[in-house]
Amino acid sequence: MTRNTRPVSWIKAALKEFETFPEEARSICLAALTIAAEGGKSDIAKPMLGLGSGVFEIALPFRGDAFRIVYAVQLGEEVWVVHAFQKKSKQGRKTPQREIDLIKDRLKRLKEMLR
C-alpha cells in the first residue's frame, strides 16, 4: 500500500528556531511530522485548542526542557510548520500567551499567502 505523503513546509523563522533544538530532539520531532505528513497523528502531538481545526502541537519533554512545534494540516496541500520553540517557563504546561499570539499571526499571514 502506498501512502499519500504530503510535503512538509516550514515558515522560515520556525525552521531557524527548530535548528537550535538538540539533534536528538529534532529527530523525534521530525518523526512526528512525518506521521502527520502521512495523515496520522503522533503520540506526542495534540490539537492546539483555540486556533481552529487542523492546528496541532508536538510537545516533547526532553532532558528537563520542553520543545514545541506547531503545525497546520488544513492549509493547502502541505503540512505547514508555523512555529518551533523551547518552552522554558516553569508555569505548568500552558503555552505562553506571546507564543500563542505569534502562532495566530503566522497562521493568518500564511492563509493570506496561500490564497
PDB file of N, CA and C in Angstrom:
ATOM      1  N   MET A   1       0.842  -1.195   0.000  1.00  0.00           N
ATOM      2  CA  MET A   1       0.000   0.000   0.000  1.00  0.00           C
ATOM      3  C   MET A   1       0.877   1.244   0.000  1.00  0.00           C
ATOM      4  N   THR A   2       0.665   2.104  -0.972  1.00  0.00           N
ATOM      5  CA  THR A   2       1.462   3.335  -0.980  1.00  0.00           C
ATOM      6  C   THR A   2       0.741   4.384  -0.157  1.00  0.00           C
ATOM      7  N   ARG A   3       1.522   5.088   0.597  1.00  0.00           N
ATOM      8  CA  ARG A   3       0.953   6.148   1.423  1.00  0.00           C
ATOM      9  C   ARG A   3       1.012   7.446   0.656  1.00  0.00           C
ATOM     10  N   ASN A   4      -0.002   8.258   0.857  1.00  0.00           N
ATOM     11  CA  ASN A   4      -0.004   9.567   0.227  1.00  0.00           C
ATOM     12  C   ASN A   4       0.648  10.548   1.200  1.00  0.00           C
ATOM     13  N   THR A   5       1.947  10.713   1.068  1.00  0.00           N
ATOM     14  CA  THR A   5       2.675  11.586   1.976  1.00  0.00           C
ATOM     15  C   THR A   5       2.669  13.006   1.442  1.00  0.00           C
ATOM     16  N   ARG A   6       2.238  13.931   2.283  1.00  0.00           N
ATOM     17  CA  ARG A   6       2.201  15.334   1.882  1.00  0.00           C
ATOM     18  C   ARG A   6       3.544  15.979   2.192  1.00  0.00           C
ATOM     19  N   PRO A   7       3.930  16.980   1.410  1.00  0.00           N
ATOM     20  CA  PRO A   7       5.177  17.677   1.733  1.00  0.00           C
ATOM     21  C   PRO A   7       5.032  18.463   3.037  1.00  0.00           C
ATOM     22  N   VAL A   8       6.132  18.603   3.758  1.00  0.00           N
ATOM     23  CA  VAL A   8       6.139  19.418   4.969  1.00  0.00           C
ATOM     24  C   VAL A   8       6.864  20.716   4.624  1.00  0.00           C
ATOM     25  N   SER A   9       6.195  21.841   4.843  1.00  0.00           N
ATOM     26  CA  SER A   9       6.796  23.146   4.569  1.00  0.00           C
ATOM     27  C   SER A   9       6.979  23.898   5.879  1.00  0.00           C
ATOM     28  N   TRP A  10       7.980  24.759   5.902  1.00  0.00           N
ATOM     29  CA  TRP A  10       8.311  25.481   7.123  1.00  0.00           C
ATOM     30  C   TRP A  10       8.248  26.983   6.895  1.00  0.00           C
ATOM     31  N   ILE A  11       7.676  27.692   7.833  1.00  0.00           N
ATOM     32  CA  ILE A  11       7.864  29.138   7.869  1.00  0.00           C
ATOM     33  C   ILE A  11       9.321  29.340   8.270  1.00  0.00           C
ATOM     34  N   LYS A  12      10.014  30.214   7.557  1.00  0.00           N
ATOM     35  CA  LYS A  12      11.462  30.349   7.731  1.00  0.00           C
ATOM     36  C   LYS A  12      11.889  30.541   9.193  1.00  0.00           C
ATOM     37  N   ALA A  13      11.174  31.381   9.914  1.00  0.00           N
ATOM     38  CA  ALA A  13      11.531  31.645  11.317  1.00  0.00           C
ATOM     39  C   ALA A  13      11.383  30.390  12.176  1.00  0.00           C
ATOM     40  N   ALA A  14      10.378  29.560  11.852  1.00  0.00           N
ATOM     41  CA  ALA A  14      10.163  28.323  12.616  1.00  0.00           C
ATOM     42  C   ALA A  14      11.314  27.350  12.371  1.00  0.00           C
ATOM     43  N   LEU A  15      11.768  27.277  11.115  1.00  0.00           N
ATOM     44  CA  LEU A  15      12.870  26.375  10.785  1.00  0.00           C
ATOM     45  C   LEU A  15      14.153  26.823  11.476  1.00  0.00           C
ATOM     46  N   LYS A  16      14.368  28.122  11.494  1.00  0.00           N
ATOM     47  CA  LYS A  16      15.565  28.674  12.136  1.00  0.00           C
ATOM     48  C   LYS A  16      15.594  28.312  13.625  1.00  0.00           C
ATOM     49  N   GLU A  17      14.459  28.453  14.257  1.00  0.00           N
ATOM     50  CA  GLU A  17      14.342  28.123  15.678  1.00  0.00           C
ATOM     51  C   GLU A  17      14.530  26.618  15.893  1.00  0.00           C
ATOM     52  N   PHE A  18      13.905  25.829  15.008  1.00  0.00           N
ATOM     53  CA  PHE A  18      13.994  24.372  15.101  1.00  0.00           C
ATOM     54  C   PHE A  18      15.442  23.901  15.024  1.00  0.00           C
ATOM     55  N   GLU A  19      16.230  24.568  14.213  1.00  0.00           N
ATOM     56  CA  GLU A  19      17.628  24.169  14.032  1.00  0.00           C
ATOM     57  C   GLU A  19      18.464  24.372  15.294  1.00  0.00           C
ATOM     58  N   THR A  20      17.927  25.105  16.285  1.00  0.00           N
ATOM     59  CA  THR A  20      18.650  25.281  17.552  1.00  0.00           C
ATOM     60  C   THR A  20      18.335  24.157  18.546  1.00  0.00           C
ATOM     61  N   PHE A  21      17.342  23.313  18.242  1.00  0.00           N
ATOM     62  CA  PHE A  21      16.997  22.198  19.131  1.00  0.00           C
ATOM     63  C   PHE A  21      18.159  21.192  19.148  1.00  0.00           C
ATOM     64  N   PRO A  22      18.327  20.450  20.251  1.00  0.00           N
ATOM     65  CA  PRO A  22      19.321  19.366  20.245  1.00  0.00           C
ATOM     66  C   PRO A  22      18.989  18.369  19.136  1.00  0.00           C
ATOM     67  N   GLU A  23      20.010  17.762  18.563  1.00  0.00           N
ATOM     68  CA  GLU A  23      19.818  16.868  17.423  1.00  0.00           C
ATOM     69  C   GLU A  23      18.804  15.762  17.694  1.00  0.00           C
ATOM     70  N   GLU A  24      18.913  15.153  18.878  1.00  0.00           N
ATOM     71  CA  GLU A  24      18.010  14.059  19.224  1.00  0.00           C
ATOM     72  C   GLU A  24      16.551  14.535  19.287  1.00  0.00           C
ATOM     73  N   ALA A  25      16.359  15.716  19.860  1.00  0.00           N
ATOM     74  CA  ALA A  25      15.008  16.287  19.940  1.00  0.00           C
ATOM     75  C   ALA A  25      14.482  16.568  18.533  1.00  0.00           C
ATOM     76  N   ARG A  26      15.355  17.069  17.650  1.00  0.00           N
ATOM     77  CA  ARG A  26      14.938  17.335  16.264  1.00  0.00           C
ATOM     78  C   ARG A  26      14.486  16.057  15.573  1.00  0.00           C
ATOM     79  N   SER A  27      15.246  14.967  15.745  1.00  0.00           N
ATOM     80  CA  SER A  27      14.864  13.754  15.018  1.00  0.00           C
ATOM     81  C   SER A  27      13.543  13.179  15.533  1.00  0.00           C
ATOM     82  N   ILE A  28      13.271  13.305  16.833  1.00  0.00           N
ATOM     83  CA  ILE A  28      11.983  12.844  17.369  1.00  0.00           C
ATOM     84  C   ILE A  28      10.842  13.689  16.781  1.00  0.00           C
ATOM     85  N   CYS A  29      11.057  15.002  16.726  1.00  0.00           N
ATOM     86  CA  CYS A  29      10.039  15.904  16.175  1.00  0.00           C
ATOM     87  C   CYS A  29       9.823  15.645  14.686  1.00  0.00           C
ATOM     88  N   LEU A  30      10.899  15.389  13.955  1.00  0.00           N
ATOM     89  CA  LEU A  30      10.770  15.112  12.521  1.00  0.00           C
ATOM     90  C   LEU A  30       9.990  13.818  12.281  1.00  0.00           C
ATOM     91  N   ALA A  31      10.200  12.835  13.144  1.00  0.00           N
ATOM     92  CA  ALA A  31       9.445  11.580  13.023  1.00  0.00           C
ATOM     93  C   ALA A  31       7.953  11.858  13.223  1.00  0.00           C
ATOM     94  N   ALA A  32       7.629  12.714  14.199  1.00  0.00           N
ATOM     95  CA  ALA A  32       6.223  13.069  14.457  1.00  0.00           C
ATOM     96  C   ALA A  32       5.634  13.835  13.270  1.00  0.00           C
ATOM     97  N   LEU A  33       6.438  14.704  12.646  1.00  0.00           N
ATOM     98  CA  LEU A  33       5.963  15.446  11.465  1.00  0.00           C
ATOM     99  C   LEU A  33       5.753  14.513  10.277  1.00  0.00           C
ATOM    100  N   THR A  34       6.594  13.500  10.164  1.00  0.00           N
ATOM    101  CA  THR A  34       6.440  12.523   9.077  1.00  0.00           C
ATOM    102  C   THR A  34       5.109  11.791   9.227  1.00  0.00           C
ATOM    103  N   ILE A  35       4.766  11.424  10.463  1.00  0.00           N
ATOM    104  CA  ILE A  35       3.484  10.767  10.720  1.00  0.00           C
ATOM    105  C   ILE A  35       2.340  11.699  10.296  1.00  0.00           C
ATOM    106  N   ALA A  36       2.473  12.997  10.617  1.00  0.00           N
ATOM    107  CA  ALA A  36       1.452  13.980  10.220  1.00  0.00           C
ATOM    108  C   ALA A  36       1.355  14.060   8.696  1.00  0.00           C
ATOM    109  N   ALA A  37       2.499  14.050   8.024  1.00  0.00           N
ATOM    110  CA  ALA A  37       2.529  14.137   6.555  1.00  0.00           C
ATOM    111  C   ALA A  37       1.858  12.920   5.921  1.00  0.00           C
ATOM    112  N   GLU A  38       1.870  11.811   6.647  1.00  0.00           N
ATOM    113  CA  GLU A  38       1.238  10.583   6.149  1.00  0.00           C
ATOM    114  C   GLU A  38      -0.219  10.494   6.582  1.00  0.00           C
ATOM    115  N   GLY A  39      -0.721  11.552   7.185  1.00  0.00           N
ATOM    116  CA  GLY A  39      -2.138  11.594   7.555  1.00  0.00           C
ATOM    117  C   GLY A  39      -2.445  11.072   8.942  1.00  0.00           C
ATOM    118  N   GLY A  40      -1.413  10.775   9.721  1.00  0.00           N
ATOM    119  CA  GLY A  40      -1.635  10.265  11.072  1.00  0.00           C
ATOM    120  C   GLY A  40      -1.370  11.325  12.123  1.00  0.00           C
ATOM    121  N   LYS A  41      -1.343  10.900  13.382  1.00  0.00           N
ATOM    122  CA  LYS A  41      -1.028  11.816  14.468  1.00  0.00           C
ATOM    123  C   LYS A  41      -0.133  11.078  15.451  1.00  0.00           C
ATOM    124  N   SER A  42       1.023  11.641  15.692  1.00  0.00           N
ATOM    125  CA  SER A  42       1.990  11.052  16.613  1.00  0.00           C
ATOM    126  C   SER A  42       1.459  11.091  18.051  1.00  0.00           C
ATOM    127  N   ASP A  43       1.996  10.214  18.879  1.00  0.00           N
ATOM    128  CA  ASP A  43       1.627  10.203  20.307  1.00  0.00           C
ATOM    129  C   ASP A  43       1.967  11.514  21.002  1.00  0.00           C
ATOM    130  N   ILE A  44       2.983  12.220  20.506  1.00  0.00           N
ATOM    131  CA  ILE A  44       3.388  13.462  21.179  1.00  0.00           C
ATOM    132  C   ILE A  44       2.731  14.690  20.548  1.00  0.00           C
ATOM    133  N   ALA A  45       1.790  14.470  19.625  1.00  0.00           N
ATOM    134  CA  ALA A  45       1.065  15.589  19.008  1.00  0.00           C
ATOM    135  C   ALA A  45      -0.338  15.659  19.570  1.00  0.00           C
ATOM    136  N   LYS A  46      -0.807  16.891  19.770  1.00  0.00           N
ATOM    137  CA  LYS A  46      -2.192  17.058  20.220  1.00  0.00           C
ATOM    138  C   LYS A  46      -2.774  18.300  19.558  1.00  0.00           C
ATOM    139  N   PRO A  47      -4.103  18.327  19.379  1.00  0.00           N
ATOM    140  CA  PRO A  47      -4.704  19.521  18.777  1.00  0.00           C
ATOM    141  C   PRO A  47      -4.439  20.736  19.646  1.00  0.00           C
ATOM    142  N   MET A  48      -4.164  21.872  19.017  1.00  0.00           N
ATOM    143  CA  MET A  48      -3.991  23.125  19.765  1.00  0.00           C
ATOM    144  C   MET A  48      -5.337  23.802  19.820  1.00  0.00           C
ATOM    145  N   LEU A  49      -5.912  23.852  20.980  1.00  0.00           N
ATOM    146  CA  LEU A  49      -7.250  24.397  21.128  1.00  0.00           C
ATOM    147  C   LEU A  49      -7.244  25.912  20.945  1.00  0.00           C
ATOM    148  N   GLY A  50      -8.326  26.409  20.373  1.00  0.00           N
ATOM    149  CA  GLY A  50      -8.472  27.855  20.218  1.00  0.00           C
ATOM    150  C   GLY A  50      -7.803  28.422  18.986  1.00  0.00           C
ATOM    151  N   LEU A  51      -7.202  27.574  18.160  1.00  0.00           N
ATOM    152  CA  LEU A  51      -6.524  28.086  16.967  1.00  0.00           C
ATOM    153  C   LEU A  51      -7.173  27.573  15.687  1.00  0.00           C
ATOM    154  N   GLY A  52      -8.364  27.026  15.809  1.00  0.00           N
ATOM    155  CA  GLY A  52      -9.045  26.495  14.635  1.00  0.00           C
ATOM    156  C   GLY A  52      -8.701  25.028  14.452  1.00  0.00           C
ATOM    157  N   SER A  53      -9.482  24.353  13.631  1.00  0.00           N
ATOM    158  CA  SER A  53      -9.230  22.925  13.458  1.00  0.00           C
ATOM    159  C   SER A  53      -8.013  22.716  12.577  1.00  0.00           C
ATOM    160  N   GLY A  54      -7.364  21.594  12.759  1.00  0.00           N
ATOM    161  CA  GLY A  54      -6.223  21.274  11.922  1.00  0.00           C
ATOM    162  C   GLY A  54      -4.906  21.869  12.384  1.00  0.00           C
ATOM    163  N   VAL A  55      -4.889  22.493  13.573  1.00  0.00           N
ATOM    164  CA  VAL A  55      -3.632  23.022  14.113  1.00  0.00           C
ATOM    165  C   VAL A  55      -3.220  22.134  15.287  1.00  0.00           C
ATOM    166  N   PHE A  56      -2.012  21.594  15.205  1.00  0.00           N
ATOM    167  CA  PHE A  56      -1.537  20.650  16.209  1.00  0.00           C
ATOM    168  C   PHE A  56      -0.233  21.125  16.822  1.00  0.00           C
ATOM    169  N   GLU A  57       0.027  20.645  18.023  1.00  0.00           N
ATOM    170  CA  GLU A  57       1.270  20.957  18.708  1.00  0.00           C
ATOM    171  C   GLU A  57       1.986  19.653  19.042  1.00  0.00           C
ATOM    172  N   ILE A  58       3.245  19.585  18.663  1.00  0.00           N
ATOM    173  CA  ILE A  58       4.093  18.480  19.098  1.00  0.00           C
ATOM    174  C   ILE A  58       4.748  18.966  20.381  1.00  0.00           C
ATOM    175  N   ALA A  59       4.531  18.235  21.454  1.00  0.00           N
ATOM    176  CA  ALA A  59       5.084  18.626  22.746  1.00  0.00           C
ATOM    177  C   ALA A  59       6.082  17.556  23.174  1.00  0.00           C
ATOM    178  N   LEU A  60       7.329  17.924  23.187  1.00  0.00           N
ATOM    179  CA  LEU A  60       8.377  16.957  23.500  1.00  0.00           C
ATOM    180  C   LEU A  60       9.110  17.343  24.773  1.00  0.00           C
ATOM    181  N   PRO A  61       8.880  16.610  25.858  1.00  0.00           N
ATOM    182  CA  PRO A  61       9.721  16.828  27.033  1.00  0.00           C
ATOM    183  C   PRO A  61      11.060  16.159  26.764  1.00  0.00           C
ATOM    184  N   PHE A  62      12.146  16.883  26.954  1.00  0.00           N
ATOM    185  CA  PHE A  62      13.446  16.350  26.579  1.00  0.00           C
ATOM    186  C   PHE A  62      14.514  16.860  27.532  1.00  0.00           C
ATOM    187  N   ARG A  63      15.093  15.956  28.293  1.00  0.00           N
ATOM    188  CA  ARG A  63      16.173  16.302  29.228  1.00  0.00           C
ATOM    189  C   ARG A  63      15.877  17.538  30.069  1.00  0.00           C
ATOM    190  N   GLY A  64      14.695  17.563  30.655  1.00  0.00           N
ATOM    191  CA  GLY A  64      14.350  18.667  31.552  1.00  0.00           C
ATOM    192  C   GLY A  64      13.844  19.912  30.849  1.00  0.00           C
ATOM    193  N   ASP A  65      13.911  19.948  29.522  1.00  0.00           N
ATOM    194  CA  ASP A  65      13.355  21.077  28.784  1.00  0.00           C
ATOM    195  C   ASP A  65      12.101  20.605  28.066  1.00  0.00           C
ATOM    196  N   ALA A  66      11.390  21.549  27.492  1.00  0.00           N
ATOM    197  CA  ALA A  66      10.215  21.195  26.699  1.00  0.00           C
ATOM    198  C   ALA A  66      10.352  21.864  25.343  1.00  0.00           C
ATOM    199  N   PHE A  67      10.231  21.065  24.298  1.00  0.00           N
ATOM    200  CA  PHE A  67      10.310  21.601  22.948  1.00  0.00           C
ATOM    201  C   PHE A  67       8.934  21.487  22.315  1.00  0.00           C
ATOM    202  N   ARG A  68       8.571  22.519  21.567  1.00  0.00           N
ATOM    203  CA  ARG A  68       7.247  22.563  20.953  1.00  0.00           C
ATOM    204  C   ARG A  68       7.368  22.890  19.473  1.00  0.00           C
ATOM    205  N   ILE A  69       6.532  22.201  18.696  1.00  0.00           N
ATOM    206  CA  ILE A  69       6.420  22.517  17.276  1.00  0.00           C
ATOM    207  C   ILE A  69       4.938  22.611  16.980  1.00  0.00           C
ATOM    208  N   VAL A  70       4.554  23.680  16.310  1.00  0.00           N
ATOM    209  CA  VAL A  70       3.146  23.861  15.967  1.00  0.00           C
ATOM    210  C   VAL A  70       3.023  23.749  14.454  1.00  0.00           C
ATOM    211  N   TYR A  71       2.095  22.889  14.030  1.00  0.00           N
ATOM    212  CA  TYR A  71       1.911  22.713  12.588  1.00  0.00           C
ATOM    213  C   TYR A  71       0.428  22.711  12.235  1.00  0.00           C
ATOM    214  N   ALA A  72       0.157  23.055  10.974  1.00  0.00           N
ATOM    215  CA  ALA A  72      -1.223  23.115  10.480  1.00  0.00           C
ATOM    216  C   ALA A  72      -1.364  22.119   9.339  1.00  0.00           C
ATOM    217  N   VAL A  73      -2.448  21.350   9.365  1.00  0.00           N
ATOM    218  CA  VAL A  73      -2.645  20.340   8.322  1.00  0.00           C
ATOM    219  C   VAL A  73      -3.719  20.729   7.311  1.00  0.00           C
ATOM    220  N   GLN A  74      -4.402  21.850   7.530  1.00  0.00           N
ATOM    221  CA  GLN A  74      -5.503  22.189   6.626  1.00  0.00           C
ATOM    222  C   GLN A  74      -5.230  23.419   5.777  1.00  0.00           C
ATOM    223  N   LEU A  75      -3.965  23.727   5.549  1.00  0.00           N
ATOM    224  CA  LEU A  75      -3.628  24.863   4.696  1.00  0.00           C
ATOM    225  C   LEU A  75      -2.990  24.330   3.422  1.00  0.00           C
ATOM    226  N   GLY A  76      -3.724  24.339   2.354  1.00  0.00           N
ATOM    227  CA  GLY A  76      -3.183  23.868   1.087  1.00  0.00           C
ATOM    228  C   GLY A  76      -2.852  22.386   1.116  1.00  0.00           C
ATOM    229  N   GLU A  77      -1.943  21.992   0.253  1.00  0.00           N
ATOM    230  CA  GLU A  77      -1.583  20.578   0.106  1.00  0.00           C
ATOM    231  C   GLU A  77      -0.552  20.125   1.132  1.00  0.00           C
ATOM    232  N   GLU A  78       0.144  21.081   1.726  1.00  0.00           N
ATOM    233  CA  GLU A  78       1.259  20.728   2.595  1.00  0.00           C
ATOM    234  C   GLU A  78       0.867  20.679   4.066  1.00  0.00           C
ATOM    235  N   VAL A  79       1.767  20.120   4.846  1.00  0.00           N
ATOM    236  CA  VAL A  79       1.712  20.261   6.298  1.00  0.00           C
ATOM    237  C   VAL A  79       2.633  21.444   6.576  1.00  0.00           C
ATOM    238  N   TRP A  80       2.106  22.480   7.204  1.00  0.00           N
ATOM    239  CA  TRP A  80       2.898  23.694   7.451  1.00  0.00           C
ATOM    240  C   TRP A  80       3.354  23.777   8.898  1.00  0.00           C
ATOM    241  N   VAL A  81       4.659  23.903   9.088  1.00  0.00           N
ATOM    242  CA  VAL A  81       5.188  24.139  10.436  1.00  0.00           C
ATOM    243  C   VAL A  81       5.241  25.647  10.622  1.00  0.00           C
ATOM    244  N   VAL A  82       4.445  26.146  11.562  1.00  0.00           N
ATOM    245  CA  VAL A  82       4.356  27.593  11.735  1.00  0.00           C
ATOM    246  C   VAL A  82       5.189  28.125  12.893  1.00  0.00           C
ATOM    247  N   HIS A  83       5.541  27.246  13.830  1.00  0.00           N
ATOM    248  CA  HIS A  83       6.317  27.740  14.970  1.00  0.00           C
ATOM    249  C   HIS A  83       7.064  26.587  15.636  1.00  0.00           C
ATOM    250  N   ALA A  84       8.243  26.894  16.118  1.00  0.00           N
ATOM    251  CA  ALA A  84       9.026  25.937  16.900  1.00  0.00           C
ATOM    252  C   ALA A  84       9.661  26.741  18.026  1.00  0.00           C
ATOM    253  N   PHE A  85       9.575  26.232  19.231  1.00  0.00           N
ATOM    254  CA  PHE A  85      10.192  26.958  20.336  1.00  0.00           C
ATOM    255  C   PHE A  85      10.509  26.024  21.481  1.00  0.00           C
ATOM    256  N   GLN A  86      11.444  26.493  22.297  1.00  0.00           N
ATOM    257  CA  GLN A  86      11.774  25.767  23.511  1.00  0.00           C
ATOM    258  C   GLN A  86      11.018  26.456  24.634  1.00  0.00           C
ATOM    259  N   LYS A  87      10.257  25.682  25.359  1.00  0.00           N
ATOM    260  CA  LYS A  87       9.450  26.254  26.432  1.00  0.00           C
ATOM    261  C   LYS A  87      10.248  26.171  27.718  1.00  0.00           C
ATOM    262  N   LYS A  88      10.618  27.340  28.209  1.00  0.00           N
ATOM    263  CA  LYS A  88      11.445  27.355  29.413  1.00  0.00           C
ATOM    264  C   LYS A  88      10.620  27.643  30.657  1.00  0.00           C
ATOM    265  N   SER A  89       9.432  28.200  30.462  1.00  0.00           N
ATOM    266  CA  SER A  89       8.654  28.622  31.619  1.00  0.00           C
ATOM    267  C   SER A  89       8.304  27.422  32.487  1.00  0.00           C
ATOM    268  N   LYS A  90       8.344  27.622  33.747  1.00  0.00           N
ATOM    269  CA  LYS A  90       8.040  26.532  34.675  1.00  0.00           C
ATOM    270  C   LYS A  90       6.599  26.632  35.161  1.00  0.00           C
ATOM    271  N   GLN A  91       5.766  27.434  34.473  1.00  0.00           N
ATOM    272  CA  GLN A  91       4.383  27.603  34.916  1.00  0.00           C
ATOM    273  C   GLN A  91       3.504  26.530  34.318  1.00  0.00           C
ATOM    274  N   GLY A  92       3.790  25.308  34.627  1.00  0.00           N
ATOM    275  CA  GLY A  92       2.928  24.233  34.154  1.00  0.00           C
ATOM    276  C   GLY A  92       3.039  24.015  32.661  1.00  0.00           C
ATOM    277  N   ARG A  93       1.974  23.469  32.089  1.00  0.00           N
ATOM    278  CA  ARG A  93       2.018  23.001  30.712  1.00  0.00           C
ATOM    279  C   ARG A  93       1.491  24.019  29.711  1.00  0.00           C
ATOM    280  N   LYS A  94       0.954  25.114  30.205  1.00  0.00           N
ATOM    281  CA  LYS A  94       0.307  26.054  29.302  1.00  0.00           C
ATOM    282  C   LYS A  94       1.315  26.752  28.387  1.00  0.00           C
ATOM    283  N   THR A  95       0.935  26.894  27.126  1.00  0.00           N
ATOM    284  CA  THR A  95       1.776  27.615  26.179  1.00  0.00           C
ATOM    285  C   THR A  95       1.686  29.107  26.507  1.00  0.00           C
ATOM    286  N   PRO A  96       2.834  29.793  26.631  1.00  0.00           N
ATOM    287  CA  PRO A  96       2.803  31.232  26.955  1.00  0.00           C
ATOM    288  C   PRO A  96       1.999  32.022  25.914  1.00  0.00           C
ATOM    289  N   GLN A  97       1.289  33.055  26.381  1.00  0.00           N
ATOM    290  CA  GLN A  97       0.410  33.847  25.513  1.00  0.00           C
ATOM    291  C   GLN A  97       1.174  34.467  24.340  1.00  0.00           C
ATOM    292  N   ARG A  98       2.404  34.937  24.579  1.00  0.00           N
ATOM    293  CA  ARG A  98       3.146  35.556  23.477  1.00  0.00           C
ATOM    294  C   ARG A  98       3.426  34.557  22.357  1.00  0.00           C
ATOM    295  N   GLU A  99       3.599  33.276  22.727  1.00  0.00           N
ATOM    296  CA  GLU A  99       3.807  32.249  21.696  1.00  0.00           C
ATOM    297  C   GLU A  99       2.500  32.029  20.922  1.00  0.00           C
ATOM    298  N   ILE A 100       1.379  32.004  21.652  1.00  0.00           N
ATOM    299  CA  ILE A 100       0.065  31.825  21.007  1.00  0.00           C
ATOM    300  C   ILE A 100      -0.208  32.964  20.032  1.00  0.00           C
ATOM    301  N   ASP A 101       0.099  34.204  20.461  1.00  0.00           N
ATOM    302  CA  ASP A 101      -0.123  35.359  19.587  1.00  0.00           C
ATOM    303  C   ASP A 101       0.721  35.252  18.331  1.00  0.00           C
ATOM    304  N   LEU A 102       1.958  34.809  18.500  1.00  0.00           N
ATOM    305  CA  LEU A 102       2.858  34.641  17.366  1.00  0.00           C
ATOM    306  C   LEU A 102       2.310  33.573  16.401  1.00  0.00           C
ATOM    307  N   ILE A 103       1.832  32.471  16.963  1.00  0.00           N
ATOM    308  CA  ILE A 103       1.270  31.392  16.140  1.00  0.00           C
ATOM    309  C   ILE A 103       0.052  31.901  15.366  1.00  0.00           C
ATOM    310  N   LYS A 104      -0.839  32.620  16.055  1.00  0.00           N
ATOM    311  CA  LYS A 104      -2.042  33.159  15.394  1.00  0.00           C
ATOM    312  C   LYS A 104      -1.648  34.086  14.252  1.00  0.00           C
ATOM    313  N   ASP A 105      -0.666  34.925  14.501  1.00  0.00           N
ATOM    314  CA  ASP A 105      -0.211  35.880  13.492  1.00  0.00           C
ATOM    315  C   ASP A 105       0.363  35.146  12.275  1.00  0.00           C
ATOM    316  N   ARG A 106       1.194  34.152  12.541  1.00  0.00           N
ATOM    317  CA  ARG A 106       1.802  33.396  11.431  1.00  0.00           C
ATOM    318  C   ARG A 106       0.762  32.619  10.643  1.00  0.00           C
ATOM    319  N   LEU A 107      -0.218  32.044  11.335  1.00  0.00           N
ATOM    320  CA  LEU A 107      -1.281  31.308  10.646  1.00  0.00           C
ATOM    321  C   LEU A 107      -2.072  32.242   9.732  1.00  0.00           C
ATOM    322  N   LYS A 108      -2.362  33.436  10.252  1.00  0.00           N
ATOM    323  CA  LYS A 108      -3.138  34.408   9.482  1.00  0.00           C
ATOM    324  C   LYS A 108      -2.370  34.802   8.215  1.00  0.00           C
ATOM    325  N   ARG A 109      -1.082  35.115   8.381  1.00  0.00           N
ATOM    326  CA  ARG A 109      -0.283  35.527   7.228  1.00  0.00           C
ATOM    327  C   ARG A 109      -0.119  34.389   6.223  1.00  0.00           C
ATOM    328  N   LEU A 110       0.018  33.174   6.731  1.00  0.00           N
ATOM    329  CA  LEU A 110       0.178  32.010   5.862  1.00  0.00           C
ATOM    330  C   LEU A 110      -1.089  31.787   5.033  1.00  0.00           C
ATOM    331  N   LYS A 111      -2.256  31.905   5.685  1.00  0.00           N
ATOM    332  CA  LYS A 111      -3.525  31.740   4.970  1.00  0.00           C
ATOM    333  C   LYS A 111      -3.642  32.755   3.847  1.00  0.00           C
ATOM    334  N   GLU A 112      -3.251  34.008   4.131  1.00  0.00           N
ATOM    335  CA  GLU A 112      -3.312  35.059   3.109  1.00  0.00           C
ATOM    336  C   GLU A 112      -2.366  34.752   1.968  1.00  0.00           C
ATOM    337  N   MET A 113      -1.176  34.269   2.301  1.00  0.00           N
ATOM    338  CA  MET A 113      -0.163  33.963   1.305  1.00  0.00           C
ATOM    339  C   MET A 113      -0.619  32.812   0.405  1.00  0.00           C
ATOM    340  N   LEU A 114      -1.344  31.845   0.945  1.00  0.00           N
ATOM    341  CA  LEU A 114      -1.726  30.657   0.192  1.00  0.00           C
ATOM    342  C   LEU A 114      -3.024  30.829  -0.595  1.00  0.00           C
ATOM    343  N   ARG A 115      -3.671  31.963  -0.450  1.00  0.00           N
ATOM    344  CA  ARG A 115      -4.945  32.177  -1.140  1.00  0.00           C
ATOM    345  C   ARG A 115      -4.783  32.170  -2.622  1.00  0.00           C
TER     346      ARG A 115
END
